[in-house]
């Protein structure tokens, strides 16, 4: 028996996005952010937009296409939130509220990333697009 598909990658306001294909209840595990765990120094050397900082020493480089969570876009009013496991080696994305099929899955990328990347280009999340345009 195959497991029901929980999400699908498709076009969003910010390029490609990850969308719910099944309903999620508040608190449900949506997906794990996966990739190569690298040192902070290596992350600084590599750069890129799929780096997820675990702590001051370690970062997940999630650039590989196997990491479907890399398609989750930023939102200033997200429906998901990332959480580190207890030993700060993994990142899990959980639903902050009930999510209906067809909704784009989003989380807040944090103030540092927002200042360095998003603010320069202009935020394209649904909240900001409806507020400004």
Protein backbone atom coordinates (compact mmCIF):
# COMPACT_ATOMS: atom_id res chain seq x y z
CA UNK A 1 0.00 0.00 0.00
CA UNK A 2 1.48 3.37 -0.98
CA UNK A 3 1.47 6.32 1.36
CA UNK A 4 -0.65 9.30 0.30
CA UNK A 5 1.47 12.07 -1.19
CA UNK A 6 1.68 14.88 1.37
CA UNK A 7 3.07 17.68 -0.80
CA UNK A 8 3.84 18.71 -4.35
CA UNK A 9 6.36 21.15 -5.90
CA UNK A 10 4.87 23.75 -8.24
CA UNK A 11 5.02 27.42 -9.24
CA UNK A 12 4.50 30.01 -6.50
CA UNK A 13 4.82 33.79 -6.20
CA UNK A 14 8.50 33.30 -5.29
CA UNK A 15 9.43 30.81 -8.05
CA UNK A 16 8.95 27.18 -7.09
CA UNK A 17 7.18 26.34 -3.86
CA UNK A 18 6.04 23.35 -1.84
CA UNK A 19 2.28 22.91 -1.56
CA UNK A 20 0.18 20.66 0.65
CA UNK A 21 -1.37 17.75 -1.25
CA UNK A 22 -3.04 16.47 1.91
CA UNK A 23 -4.43 18.24 4.98
CA UNK A 24 -2.21 18.90 7.98
CA UNK A 25 -3.43 19.50 11.52
CA UNK A 26 -1.74 21.99 13.84
CA UNK A 27 1.42 20.36 15.21
CA UNK A 28 1.73 17.72 12.46
CA UNK A 29 5.19 16.90 11.15
CA UNK A 30 5.24 18.14 7.56
CA UNK A 31 8.76 17.26 6.40
CA UNK A 32 12.41 17.04 7.46
CA UNK A 33 14.95 19.50 6.03
CA UNK A 34 17.77 17.24 4.85
CA UNK A 35 21.21 17.58 3.34
CA UNK A 36 24.91 17.46 4.08
CA UNK A 37 25.86 18.66 7.56
CA UNK A 38 28.86 20.97 7.18
CA UNK A 39 30.87 23.26 9.45
CA UNK A 40 29.97 26.93 9.68
CA UNK A 41 33.31 27.77 8.03
CA UNK A 42 32.45 25.51 5.09
CA UNK A 43 28.97 27.04 4.87
CA UNK A 44 30.52 30.53 4.72
CA UNK A 45 32.88 29.32 1.98
CA UNK A 46 30.13 27.67 -0.09
CA UNK A 47 27.40 30.24 0.32
CA UNK A 48 24.07 29.53 -1.32
CA UNK A 49 20.42 29.87 -0.49
CA UNK A 50 19.72 26.37 0.85
CA UNK A 51 21.86 26.62 3.98
CA UNK A 52 19.97 25.95 7.22
CA UNK A 53 21.98 26.90 10.31
CA UNK A 54 21.76 24.33 13.11
CA UNK A 55 23.88 26.30 15.59
CA UNK A 56 27.04 28.45 15.59
CA UNK A 57 29.15 25.49 14.45
CA UNK A 58 27.04 23.41 12.05
CA UNK A 59 24.81 24.00 9.03
CA UNK A 60 22.76 21.76 6.74
CA UNK A 61 23.48 22.32 3.05
CA UNK A 62 20.12 21.37 1.57
CA UNK A 63 20.86 22.17 -2.07
CA UNK A 64 20.35 18.59 -3.29
CA UNK A 65 17.10 17.91 -5.15
CA UNK A 66 16.35 14.99 -2.78
CA UNK A 67 15.69 17.66 -0.14
CA UNK A 68 12.11 18.51 -1.09
CA UNK A 69 11.90 20.83 1.95
CA UNK A 70 14.20 23.25 0.10
CA UNK A 71 11.13 24.35 -1.88
CA UNK A 72 9.43 25.77 1.23
CA UNK A 73 9.43 29.54 0.77
CA UNK A 74 9.65 32.35 3.31
CA UNK A 75 6.53 34.03 4.64
CA UNK A 76 6.09 36.85 7.10
CA UNK A 77 2.90 35.03 8.21
CA UNK A 78 3.91 31.36 7.85
CA UNK A 79 1.81 28.24 8.30
CA UNK A 80 4.81 26.09 9.32
CA UNK A 81 7.74 26.40 11.69
CA UNK A 82 11.11 24.65 11.80
CA UNK A 83 12.30 22.96 14.98
CA UNK A 84 15.68 21.44 15.79
CA UNK A 85 15.83 18.03 17.41
CA UNK A 86 17.34 17.89 20.92
CA UNK A 87 20.95 17.38 19.81
CA UNK A 88 20.70 20.06 17.05
CA UNK A 89 21.52 17.64 14.21
CA UNK A 90 18.21 17.63 12.34
CA UNK A 91 15.51 20.13 11.35
CA UNK A 92 11.85 19.17 11.24
CA UNK A 93 9.12 21.38 9.79
CA UNK A 94 5.80 21.35 11.68
CA UNK A 95 2.39 22.84 10.88
CA UNK A 96 1.69 25.97 12.97
CA UNK A 97 -2.00 25.73 12.18
CA UNK A 98 -4.42 23.65 10.14
CA UNK A 99 -3.26 23.55 6.50
CA UNK A 100 -5.62 22.66 3.66
CA UNK A 101 -4.64 20.83 0.47
CA UNK A 102 -3.46 23.35 -2.13
CA UNK A 103 -1.95 25.79 0.39
CA UNK A 104 1.67 26.74 -0.06
CA UNK A 105 3.85 25.57 2.83
CA UNK A 106 5.90 28.42 4.30
CA UNK A 107 8.02 29.33 7.31
CA UNK A 108 9.79 32.49 8.44
CA UNK A 109 13.45 32.36 7.38
CA UNK A 110 14.51 34.61 10.25
CA UNK A 111 15.62 38.21 10.57
CA UNK A 112 19.23 37.69 9.44
CA UNK A 113 18.28 36.05 6.14
CA UNK A 114 15.44 38.55 5.67
CA UNK A 115 17.83 41.51 6.06
CA UNK A 116 20.60 40.00 3.89
CA UNK A 117 18.51 38.57 1.04
CA UNK A 118 14.75 39.07 1.05
CA UNK A 119 14.60 42.78 1.95
CA UNK A 120 16.95 43.65 -0.93
CA UNK A 121 14.72 41.92 -3.49
CA UNK A 122 11.40 42.69 -1.84
CA UNK A 123 9.35 40.13 0.01
CA UNK A 124 7.04 38.17 -2.28
CA UNK A 125 5.09 36.29 0.38
CA UNK A 126 1.28 36.36 0.29
CA UNK A 127 1.05 38.60 3.36
CA UNK A 128 3.38 41.24 1.91
CA UNK A 129 1.93 41.06 -1.61
CA UNK A 130 -1.60 41.72 -0.31
CA UNK A 131 -0.38 44.51 2.01
CA UNK A 132 1.62 46.35 -0.68
CA UNK A 133 -0.05 45.53 -3.85
